[in-house]
Amino acid sequence: MEKQLTDTSMDSLKNALDVITNNVTLNQSPNGNQSNSKIIYASNDIDAIRTWLNEFRNSPNTIISYRQIAERFLMWCMNAGLKFNQLKREDIKDYELFLSDPSPQEYWCGKAKPRNHPEWKPFIRGLSPSSTALNMRVLTILFRYLIDSGYLLNNPFTLFKARSNRVIINKSIDRYLTHKEWGYIVEYIEGMPESTPKEAHEYERIKWVFALLYLTGCRRHEIASAKMSDFLNRHDNWWLRVIGKGNKYGEIPVTNELFLSLIRYRKFLRLPDFPSPQETTIPLVCSSRYAIGTKYMPISDSMLYKLIRNTCRRISEKVKETDPASAFVITQVSTHWLRHTSATHQVDAGIDIRMVKENLRHSMLETTMRYQHTEANTRHTETNKKFGINDK
């Protein structure tokens, strides 16, 4: 059954989100169906979500993702007049359908706006099947936590299972650039204009960013938060120290090619050739708003993403007349595509898969093995070469 829209205003739902985000108190009545053996202080759903999110305080990107998922679900429950302890399995199924088509559209969906904007909406459009599945998995984790903490007695998500008729596909990574497609990017960057100071800055920054992401395989938040002091020289080898996913420390080998790119970028910034441990305030990548030789402003996580996306869209436009298939691929490229591309090309280059695992800081070798495409390529070549209608 579809939940009916109540007279709950979007403003009142936004107020509830402010409680989660700003850690203030809301006078929400407690759940009546709680265990006497609670091991968290939360007495209402909002406090419970906030307590759960606090478990991920050392993983800011996880908090951002999980908070959005939890907030949307909380808004839906509030709009339907439901508390967590009142939810039944049928409600969970209703919410799963709702995610793919939030309705009424004018109430739930709108253009992307800041949270404090009067026209802000929780959705831009309905979610894709993969995003819907992710939301349901995260909410399952949330409710399992609330059960384990004694806040709730029953978990309506327990019966949630992935669709049994889902197509099972090979889990190899497909979001990467071939060597030919990567070549288009390199060629475009080398042809960028440098005649004005603004053009020169854009050229040097883009050249450095693409080299950095490709040759290290770093995630964008690792690059955005890194400083020049994170370069480390040990036994005449240079390393880049990063704090990655789950607040995990890692060291990435800096190749000779990457180090030459670093020297070039530092010269443009009017810095000494070699980085030093004292450069704790100089970012690895500067924003477009800075004064050379005085104050170096870091590029933000979101601006780094936009820089890659916008550059690749321009490259796609240039390539599409001669190679539309590659242009289509390049237009989809994001920062994470470059991480996948780096991993794939490292494997293609013959680097031991165990070394690639360490370079990417994967917890499990199975994750890294998804970048091995050689076996599939060999299978295709062998089949094409040795099998056909007229073969005997």
Protein backbone atom coordinates (compact mmCIF):
# COMPACT_ATOMS: atom_id res chain seq x y z
CA MET A 1 0.00 0.00 0.00
CA GLU A 2 1.12 3.56 -0.67
CA LYS A 3 1.55 5.90 2.26
CA GLN A 4 -0.73 8.91 2.17
CA LEU A 5 0.72 12.42 2.35
CA THR A 6 -0.04 14.04 5.70
CA ASP A 7 -0.16 17.73 6.48
CA THR A 8 3.48 17.56 7.64
CA SER A 9 5.24 20.55 6.10
CA MET A 10 8.63 20.22 4.45
CA ASP A 11 9.92 22.88 6.86
CA SER A 12 9.08 20.73 9.88
CA LEU A 13 10.84 17.76 8.31
CA LYS A 14 13.87 19.95 7.59
CA ASN A 15 13.90 20.97 11.25
CA ALA A 16 14.29 17.31 12.16
CA LEU A 17 17.30 17.04 9.82
CA ASP A 18 18.86 20.10 11.47
CA VAL A 19 18.68 18.21 14.74
CA ILE A 20 20.77 15.38 13.30
CA THR A 21 23.23 17.70 11.57
CA ASN A 22 23.70 20.30 14.30
CA ASN A 23 23.45 18.05 17.37
CA VAL A 24 20.66 20.02 19.06
CA THR A 25 17.68 18.75 21.03
CA LEU A 26 14.22 18.18 19.59
CA ASN A 27 11.17 17.51 21.73
CA GLN A 28 10.16 14.24 20.10
CA SER A 29 8.20 11.74 22.15
CA PRO A 30 10.03 8.51 22.96
CA ASN A 31 9.31 5.11 21.51
CA GLY A 32 7.17 2.98 23.76
CA ASN A 33 8.46 -0.36 22.53
CA GLN A 34 12.02 -0.30 23.89
CA SER A 35 14.01 -2.84 25.81
CA ASN A 36 14.79 -2.27 29.46
CA SER A 37 18.38 -3.23 28.70
CA LYS A 38 19.23 -0.32 26.39
CA ILE A 39 22.93 0.44 26.15
CA ILE A 40 22.53 3.84 24.47
CA TYR A 41 20.91 6.96 25.93
CA ALA A 42 18.69 7.68 22.91
CA SER A 43 15.00 7.96 23.79
CA ASN A 44 13.67 8.86 20.32
CA ASP A 45 14.40 8.04 16.69
CA ILE A 46 16.36 11.21 15.97
CA ASP A 47 18.69 10.71 18.92
CA ALA A 48 19.09 7.06 17.90
CA ILE A 49 20.19 8.03 14.38
CA ARG A 50 22.58 10.60 15.77
CA THR A 51 24.13 8.04 18.14
CA TRP A 52 24.54 5.56 15.27
CA LEU A 53 26.17 8.16 13.00
CA ASN A 54 28.57 9.08 15.77
CA GLU A 55 30.02 5.56 15.51
CA PHE A 56 31.48 6.64 12.14
CA ARG A 57 32.97 9.92 13.38
CA ASN A 58 36.43 8.91 12.11
CA SER A 59 35.07 8.33 8.60
CA PRO A 60 33.60 11.66 7.45
CA ASN A 61 32.67 10.43 3.97
CA THR A 62 30.77 7.49 5.44
CA ILE A 63 28.90 9.86 7.77
CA ILE A 64 27.87 12.08 4.85
CA SER A 65 26.56 9.12 2.84
CA TYR A 66 24.85 7.34 5.74
CA ARG A 67 23.32 10.55 7.12
CA GLN A 68 21.59 11.34 3.82
CA ILE A 69 20.16 7.83 3.65
CA ALA A 70 18.98 7.90 7.27
CA GLU A 71 17.55 11.42 6.93
CA ARG A 72 15.45 10.53 3.91
CA PHE A 73 14.05 7.49 5.67
CA LEU A 74 13.30 9.51 8.81
CA MET A 75 11.49 12.18 6.76
CA TRP A 76 9.38 9.49 5.07
CA CYS A 77 8.49 7.93 8.43
CA MET A 78 7.60 11.30 9.97
CA ASN A 79 5.49 12.20 6.96
CA ALA A 80 3.66 8.87 7.28
CA GLY A 81 3.22 9.36 11.03
CA LEU A 82 5.35 6.33 11.88
CA LYS A 83 8.01 5.81 14.53
CA PHE A 84 10.70 3.21 14.13
CA ASN A 85 9.10 0.87 16.66
CA GLN A 86 5.82 0.94 14.66
CA LEU A 87 7.33 -0.12 11.33
CA LYS A 88 6.19 -3.40 9.76
CA ARG A 89 7.62 -5.37 6.88
CA GLU A 90 4.99 -3.92 4.53
CA ASP A 91 6.19 -0.40 5.39
CA ILE A 92 9.73 -1.32 4.35
CA LYS A 93 8.47 -2.63 1.02
CA ASP A 94 6.51 0.61 0.54
CA TYR A 95 9.62 2.66 1.23
CA GLU A 96 11.66 0.63 -1.25
CA LEU A 97 9.09 1.43 -3.96
CA PHE A 98 8.98 5.06 -2.85
CA LEU A 99 12.74 5.50 -3.40
CA SER A 100 12.42 4.70 -7.09
CA ASP A 101 9.55 7.18 -7.52
CA PRO A 102 9.16 9.68 -4.66
CA SER A 103 5.65 11.04 -4.86
CA PRO A 104 4.12 13.53 -4.89
CA GLN A 105 7.02 14.77 -6.98
CA GLU A 106 6.39 18.43 -6.16
CA TYR A 107 6.69 17.63 -2.45
CA TRP A 108 9.77 15.40 -2.46
CA CYS A 109 11.78 16.32 -5.57
CA GLY A 110 13.45 19.46 -6.86
CA LYS A 111 16.66 20.92 -8.21
CA ALA A 112 19.79 20.58 -6.07
CA LYS A 113 19.81 23.39 -3.49
CA PRO A 114 21.66 24.06 -0.22
CA ARG A 115 19.87 22.68 2.84
CA ASN A 116 18.99 26.16 4.09
CA HIS A 117 17.42 27.18 0.76
CA PRO A 118 13.61 27.55 0.91
CA GLU A 119 13.25 25.39 -2.23
CA TRP A 120 15.44 22.52 -0.95
CA LYS A 121 14.04 19.01 -1.46
CA PRO A 122 15.43 15.67 -0.24
CA PHE A 123 15.49 14.17 -3.76
CA ILE A 124 16.34 15.41 -7.23
CA ARG A 125 14.61 12.43 -8.82
CA GLY A 126 13.87 8.80 -8.05
CA LEU A 127 16.84 6.56 -7.32
CA SER A 128 18.28 3.93 -9.64
CA PRO A 129 17.91 0.24 -8.68
CA SER A 130 21.54 0.10 -7.47
CA SER A 131 21.13 3.25 -5.35
CA THR A 132 17.87 1.92 -3.93
CA ALA A 133 19.59 -1.34 -2.99
CA LEU A 134 22.39 0.62 -1.31
CA ASN A 135 19.86 2.62 0.72
CA MET A 136 18.16 -0.55 1.90
CA ARG A 137 21.46 -2.15 2.90
CA VAL A 138 22.50 0.90 4.93
CA LEU A 139 19.13 1.04 6.68
CA THR A 140 19.49 -2.64 7.48
CA ILE A 141 22.80 -1.80 9.18
CA LEU A 142 21.13 1.05 11.08
CA PHE A 143 18.30 -1.13 12.40
CA ARG A 144 20.65 -3.96 13.29
CA TYR A 145 22.57 -1.44 15.41
CA LEU A 146 19.36 -0.27 17.08
CA ILE A 147 18.44 -3.88 17.88
CA ASP A 148 21.91 -4.65 19.27
CA SER A 149 21.81 -1.50 21.39
CA GLY A 150 18.44 -2.44 22.88
CA TYR A 151 16.73 0.63 21.43
CA LEU A 152 14.35 -1.54 19.37
CA LEU A 153 12.99 -5.03 19.86
CA ASN A 154 12.16 -5.92 16.26
CA ASN A 155 13.90 -5.33 12.95
CA PRO A 156 11.56 -5.00 9.95
CA PHE A 157 14.58 -4.98 7.63
CA THR A 158 15.64 -8.47 8.66
CA LEU A 159 13.49 -10.02 5.94
CA PHE A 160 14.88 -7.69 3.28
CA LYS A 161 16.70 -9.63 0.61
CA ALA A 162 18.05 -8.74 -2.79
CA ARG A 163 15.79 -9.69 -5.68
CA SER A 164 16.18 -13.37 -6.48
CA ASN A 165 15.72 -12.65 -10.19
CA ARG A 166 18.59 -10.18 -10.36
CA VAL A 167 21.06 -10.90 -13.13
CA ILE A 168 24.36 -12.11 -11.72
CA ILE A 169 27.20 -10.50 -13.64
CA ASN A 170 30.96 -10.72 -13.59
CA LYS A 171 32.29 -8.51 -10.82
CA SER A 172 35.24 -7.15 -12.78
CA ILE A 173 35.64 -3.39 -12.84
CA ASP A 174 34.31 -1.75 -16.02
CA ARG A 175 34.63 1.92 -15.09
CA TYR A 176 38.13 2.47 -16.36
CA LEU A 177 39.84 3.96 -19.41
CA THR A 178 41.63 1.89 -22.00
CA HIS A 179 45.14 2.94 -22.92
CA LYS A 180 43.77 4.56 -26.08
CA GLU A 181 41.18 6.57 -24.13
CA TRP A 182 43.78 7.64 -21.57
CA GLY A 183 45.95 8.72 -24.52
CA TYR A 184 43.21 11.11 -25.67
CA ILE A 185 43.28 12.77 -22.25
CA VAL A 186 47.06 13.16 -22.24
CA GLU A 187 46.99 14.56 -25.78
CA TYR A 188 44.28 17.09 -24.92
CA ILE A 189 46.10 18.33 -21.80
CA GLU A 190 49.35 18.82 -23.71
CA GLY A 191 47.48 20.95 -26.24
CA MET A 192 45.86 23.30 -23.72
CA PRO A 193 46.62 27.03 -24.16
CA GLU A 194 49.10 28.77 -21.85
CA SER A 195 49.25 32.30 -23.24
CA THR A 196 47.60 34.12 -20.30
CA PRO A 197 48.32 33.72 -16.56
CA LYS A 198 44.85 32.22 -16.06
CA GLU A 199 45.35 29.71 -18.89
CA ALA A 200 48.83 28.82 -17.61
CA HIS A 201 47.49 28.17 -14.11
CA GLU A 202 44.67 26.01 -15.45
CA TYR A 203 47.07 24.05 -17.64
CA GLU A 204 49.58 23.40 -14.85
CA ARG A 205 46.90 22.47 -12.34
CA ILE A 206 45.04 20.09 -14.67
CA LYS A 207 48.30 18.49 -15.84
CA TRP A 208 49.33 17.93 -12.20
CA VAL A 209 45.95 16.66 -11.01
CA PHE A 210 45.56 14.06 -13.77
CA ALA A 211 49.13 12.84 -13.27
CA LEU A 212 48.61 12.68 -9.51
CA LEU A 213 45.34 10.73 -9.65
CA TYR A 214 46.55 8.37 -12.38
CA LEU A 215 50.02 7.62 -11.00
CA THR A 216 48.91 7.20 -7.37
CA GLY A 217 45.39 5.78 -7.69
CA CYS A 218 44.35 8.04 -4.81
CA ARG A 219 40.76 8.81 -3.89
CA ARG A 220 39.77 12.43 -4.34
CA HIS A 221 39.32 13.17 -0.63
CA GLU A 222 42.84 11.83 -0.03
CA ILE A 223 44.22 14.33 -2.54
CA ALA A 224 42.07 17.23 -1.33
CA SER A 225 43.21 16.81 2.27
CA ALA A 226 46.90 16.11 1.58
CA LYS A 227 49.73 18.62 2.08
CA MET A 228 53.16 18.96 0.48
CA SER A 229 54.60 17.77 3.80
CA ASP A 230 52.97 14.39 3.16
CA PHE A 231 55.77 13.54 0.73
CA LEU A 232 58.33 11.41 2.53
CA ASN A 233 61.86 10.48 1.46
CA ARG A 234 63.08 7.17 2.84
CA HIS A 235 66.31 5.49 1.63
CA ASP A 236 66.35 7.75 -1.45
CA ASN A 237 62.80 6.72 -2.39
CA TRP A 238 59.88 9.13 -2.29
CA TRP A 239 56.51 8.14 -0.84
CA LEU A 240 53.17 9.90 -0.47
CA ARG A 241 51.46 9.47 2.89
CA VAL A 242 47.66 9.48 2.82
CA ILE A 243 44.80 8.93 5.24
CA GLY A 244 42.31 6.84 3.34
CA LYS A 245 39.00 5.11 3.74
CA GLY A 246 38.14 4.27 7.34
CA ASN A 247 40.89 6.62 8.55
CA LYS A 248 43.45 4.07 7.34
CA TYR A 249 47.05 5.25 6.96
CA GLY A 250 48.89 4.36 3.78
CA GLU A 251 52.09 5.09 1.88
CA ILE A 252 52.11 5.17 -1.93
CA PRO A 253 55.32 4.88 -3.97
CA VAL A 254 56.10 8.05 -5.93
CA THR A 255 57.42 7.09 -9.36
CA ASN A 256 60.14 9.09 -11.09
CA GLU A 257 57.54 10.35 -13.56
CA LEU A 258 55.27 11.56 -10.77
CA PHE A 259 58.16 13.23 -8.96
CA LEU A 260 59.13 15.15 -12.11
CA SER A 261 55.50 16.27 -12.41
CA LEU A 262 55.62 17.39 -8.79
CA ILE A 263 58.78 19.43 -9.37
CA ARG A 264 57.17 21.09 -12.40
CA TYR A 265 54.04 22.04 -10.42
CA ARG A 266 56.10 23.32 -7.49
CA LYS A 267 58.19 25.49 -9.81
CA PHE A 268 55.00 27.01 -11.17
CA LEU A 269 53.94 27.76 -7.58
CA ARG A 270 57.39 29.32 -6.99
CA LEU A 271 58.32 26.69 -4.45
CA PRO A 272 61.65 24.86 -4.10
CA ASP A 273 61.94 21.74 -6.23
CA PHE A 274 61.78 19.30 -3.31
CA PRO A 275 58.95 19.20 -0.74
CA SER A 276 59.84 19.48 2.94
CA PRO A 277 58.26 18.26 6.21
CA GLN A 278 57.72 21.91 7.19
CA GLU A 279 55.23 22.53 4.35
CA THR A 280 52.25 21.57 6.51
CA THR A 281 50.06 24.42 5.24
CA ILE A 282 50.76 24.07 1.51
CA PRO A 283 48.15 21.86 -0.20
CA LEU A 284 48.98 19.16 -2.70
CA VAL A 285 46.63 20.86 -5.17
CA CYS A 286 45.84 24.57 -4.98
CA SER A 287 42.48 26.10 -5.73
CA SER A 288 42.07 28.61 -8.54
CA ARG A 289 41.91 31.42 -5.95
CA TYR A 290 45.36 31.93 -4.52
CA ALA A 291 48.34 34.25 -4.78
CA ILE A 292 51.52 32.56 -5.99
CA GLY A 293 54.25 32.73 -3.41
CA THR A 294 52.04 34.03 -0.59
CA LYS A 295 48.96 32.09 0.46
CA TYR A 296 48.15 28.70 -1.01
CA MET A 297 44.49 27.73 -0.77
CA PRO A 298 43.59 24.02 -1.05
CA ILE A 299 41.20 22.71 -3.66
CA SER A 300 38.04 21.26 -2.12
CA ASP A 301 36.85 17.69 -2.55
CA SER A 302 33.87 18.84 -4.64
CA MET A 303 35.91 21.22 -6.79
CA LEU A 304 38.42 18.48 -7.57
CA TYR A 305 35.53 16.29 -8.72
CA LYS A 306 34.15 19.11 -10.90
CA LEU A 307 37.58 19.83 -12.37
CA ILE A 308 37.92 16.25 -13.61
CA ARG A 309 34.33 16.04 -14.85
CA ASN A 310 34.42 19.35 -16.72
CA THR A 311 37.80 18.63 -18.30
CA CYS A 312 36.67 15.21 -19.49
CA ARG A 313 33.49 16.65 -20.97
CA ARG A 314 35.60 19.07 -23.02
CA ILE A 315 37.85 16.22 -24.13
CA SER A 316 34.80 14.17 -25.11
CA GLU A 317 33.51 17.01 -27.28
CA LYS A 318 36.84 17.15 -29.10
CA VAL A 319 37.07 13.39 -29.61
CA LYS A 320 33.47 12.57 -30.57
CA GLU A 321 33.80 13.42 -34.29
CA THR A 322 36.66 10.95 -34.85
CA ASP A 323 35.96 8.37 -32.13
CA PRO A 324 32.40 8.60 -30.77
CA ALA A 325 32.70 5.38 -28.76
CA SER A 326 35.69 6.67 -26.81
CA ALA A 327 34.03 10.06 -26.44
CA PHE A 328 31.03 8.42 -24.80
CA VAL A 329 33.29 6.68 -22.29
CA ILE A 330 35.35 9.81 -21.53
CA THR A 331 32.27 11.91 -20.85
CA GLN A 332 31.46 9.62 -17.92
CA VAL A 333 34.88 9.88 -16.29
CA SER A 334 35.08 10.97 -12.66
CA THR A 335 37.90 11.00 -10.11
CA HIS A 336 37.09 7.42 -9.13
CA TRP A 337 37.35 6.31 -12.75
CA LEU A 338 40.97 7.47 -12.64
CA ARG A 339 41.56 5.30 -9.57
CA HIS A 340 40.12 2.30 -11.47
CA THR A 341 42.20 3.24 -14.52
CA SER A 342 45.38 3.46 -12.44
CA ALA A 343 44.74 0.03 -10.92
CA THR A 344 43.93 -1.57 -14.27
CA HIS A 345 46.98 -0.10 -16.00
CA GLN A 346 49.26 -1.13 -13.11
CA VAL A 347 48.05 -4.71 -13.53
CA ASP A 348 48.40 -4.45 -17.31
CA ALA A 349 52.00 -3.24 -16.83
CA GLY A 350 52.80 -6.51 -15.08
CA ILE A 351 53.12 -5.20 -11.52
CA ASP A 352 52.58 -8.06 -9.06
CA ILE A 353 48.91 -8.11 -8.03
CA ARG A 354 49.98 -8.11 -4.36
CA MET A 355 51.94 -4.89 -4.92
CA VAL A 356 48.96 -3.29 -6.65
CA LYS A 357 46.84 -4.25 -3.64
CA GLU A 358 49.24 -2.38 -1.36
CA ASN A 359 49.38 0.63 -3.71
CA LEU A 360 45.58 0.90 -3.67
CA ARG A 361 45.39 0.02 0.04
CA HIS A 362 42.78 -2.68 -0.47
CA SER A 363 41.96 -4.80 2.55
CA MET A 364 41.42 -7.94 0.48
CA LEU A 365 43.30 -9.30 -2.53
CA GLU A 366 39.97 -10.30 -4.11
CA THR A 367 39.13 -6.61 -4.52
CA THR A 368 42.32 -5.94 -6.45
CA MET A 369 41.85 -9.03 -8.62
CA ARG A 370 38.75 -7.42 -10.10
CA TYR A 371 41.13 -5.25 -12.12
CA GLN A 372 42.58 -8.23 -13.96
CA HIS A 373 41.10 -8.15 -17.45
CA THR A 374 43.81 -10.17 -19.23
CA GLU A 375 42.04 -13.52 -18.75
CA ALA A 376 38.86 -12.28 -20.43
CA ASN A 377 40.81 -10.72 -23.29
CA THR A 378 42.75 -13.95 -23.82
CA ARG A 379 39.52 -15.98 -23.80
CA HIS A 380 38.05 -13.72 -26.49
CA THR A 381 41.20 -13.89 -28.64
CA GLU A 382 41.43 -17.68 -28.37
CA THR A 383 37.75 -18.19 -29.22
CA ASN A 384 37.90 -15.81 -32.17
CA LYS A 385 41.11 -17.38 -33.47
CA LYS A 386 40.21 -21.05 -33.15
CA PHE A 387 36.44 -21.34 -33.51
CA GLY A 388 34.08 -20.62 -36.43
CA ILE A 389 31.45 -22.08 -38.80
CA ASN A 390 33.98 -23.10 -41.43
CA ASP A 391 36.62 -24.40 -39.01
CA LYS A 392 37.28 -28.12 -38.99
